[in-house]
Protein backbone atom coordinates (compact mmCIF):
# COMPACT_ATOMS: atom_id res chain seq x y z
CA MET A 1 0.00 0.00 0.00
CA ILE A 2 1.19 3.49 -0.88
CA THR A 3 0.26 6.44 1.29
CA VAL A 4 1.00 10.07 0.48
CA PHE A 5 0.20 12.88 2.90
CA VAL A 6 -0.53 16.09 1.01
CA PRO A 7 -0.75 19.44 2.83
CA ASN A 8 -4.36 20.59 2.74
CA ILE A 9 -3.71 23.94 1.06
CA PRO A 10 -5.05 25.24 -2.26
CA GLU A 11 -1.67 25.05 -3.98
CA PHE A 12 -1.68 21.23 -3.69
CA ALA A 13 -5.34 20.80 -4.73
CA PRO A 14 -4.32 19.60 -8.24
CA ILE A 15 -2.56 16.59 -6.69
CA VAL A 16 -5.60 15.68 -4.63
CA GLY A 17 -7.92 16.18 -7.60
CA ALA A 18 -5.78 14.01 -9.85
CA ALA A 19 -5.66 11.23 -7.24
CA ARG A 20 -9.46 11.22 -7.09
CA GLY A 21 -9.48 10.34 -10.79
CA VAL A 22 -7.03 7.42 -10.52
CA ALA A 23 -8.57 3.96 -10.36
CA GLY A 24 -7.56 2.20 -7.16
CA CYS A 25 -6.75 5.47 -5.36
CA HIS A 26 -8.58 6.50 -2.23
CA VAL A 27 -8.54 10.11 -1.05
CA HIS A 28 -9.39 10.65 2.62
CA GLU A 29 -10.72 13.83 4.18
CA PRO A 30 -8.11 16.10 5.78
CA VAL A 31 -6.89 15.28 9.27
CA GLY A 32 -4.34 17.41 11.06
CA GLY A 33 -3.84 19.60 8.00
CA TYR A 34 -3.09 16.75 5.56
CA VAL A 35 -5.09 14.87 2.94
CA ARG A 36 -4.20 11.18 2.87
CA ILE A 37 -3.98 9.53 -0.54
CA GLU A 38 -3.75 5.74 -0.65
CA ALA A 39 -3.11 3.46 -3.62
CA ASP A 40 -2.72 -0.29 -3.71
CA ARG A 41 0.31 -0.80 -5.96
CA VAL A 42 1.35 2.30 -7.96
CA LEU A 43 0.79 6.05 -7.84
CA GLU A 44 1.98 8.02 -10.83
CA LEU A 45 1.62 11.78 -11.32
CA VAL A 46 2.78 14.00 -14.19
CA ARG A 47 3.68 17.58 -13.29
CA LYS A 48 2.53 19.25 -16.51
CA GLU A 49 -0.84 17.49 -16.37
CA LEU A 50 -1.31 18.89 -12.87
CA GLY A 51 -0.27 22.40 -13.88
CA LEU A 52 2.23 22.64 -11.01
CA GLY A 53 5.29 24.83 -11.18
CA PRO A 54 8.70 23.42 -10.24
CA ALA A 55 8.66 24.76 -6.67
CA LEU A 56 5.37 23.05 -5.78
CA TRP A 57 6.36 19.91 -7.67
CA ASN A 58 9.61 19.65 -5.73
CA THR A 59 7.70 19.86 -2.44
CA ALA A 60 4.89 17.46 -3.42
CA LEU A 61 6.08 14.89 -0.88
CA SER A 62 6.70 17.39 1.93
CA GLY A 63 3.88 15.88 4.01
CA GLY A 64 5.53 12.47 3.96
CA PHE A 65 4.80 9.17 2.26
CA ARG A 66 4.98 5.40 2.59
CA GLY A 67 6.21 3.46 -0.42
CA CYS A 68 9.24 3.34 -2.71
CA ILE A 69 10.04 6.13 -5.12
CA VAL A 70 11.06 4.57 -8.43
CA GLU A 71 10.96 7.82 -10.42
CA TYR A 72 10.90 11.44 -9.31
CA ASN A 73 12.22 13.90 -11.83
CA ARG A 74 11.15 17.26 -13.15
CA ASP A 75 8.11 15.81 -14.90
CA ARG A 76 7.04 12.52 -13.33
CA LEU A 77 6.53 11.03 -9.88
CA ARG A 78 6.07 7.28 -9.58
CA ILE A 79 5.77 5.54 -6.22
CA VAL A 80 5.20 1.81 -5.81
CA SER A 81 4.23 -0.18 -2.76
CA GLU A 82 7.10 -1.51 -0.69
CA ASP A 83 6.01 -5.08 -1.38
CA ALA A 84 5.83 -4.64 -5.17
């Protein structure tokens, strides 16, 4: 299981919105200032599709996460479950 904690601020709303549209992703209501996104096996996000600038993209994981980053560059973030 992958878990990403996204700060519940408007600047990160595109990440939360994109996760809602991913099959197998579950977005939980904010608790303690963070939205929790869970995915079973893989979570992949593309910066340009989200409309995020580099500064926000580079801090996308600032709330913390559980999983293994297999790709995180200027355009793509891909996290897989630790047991994948």
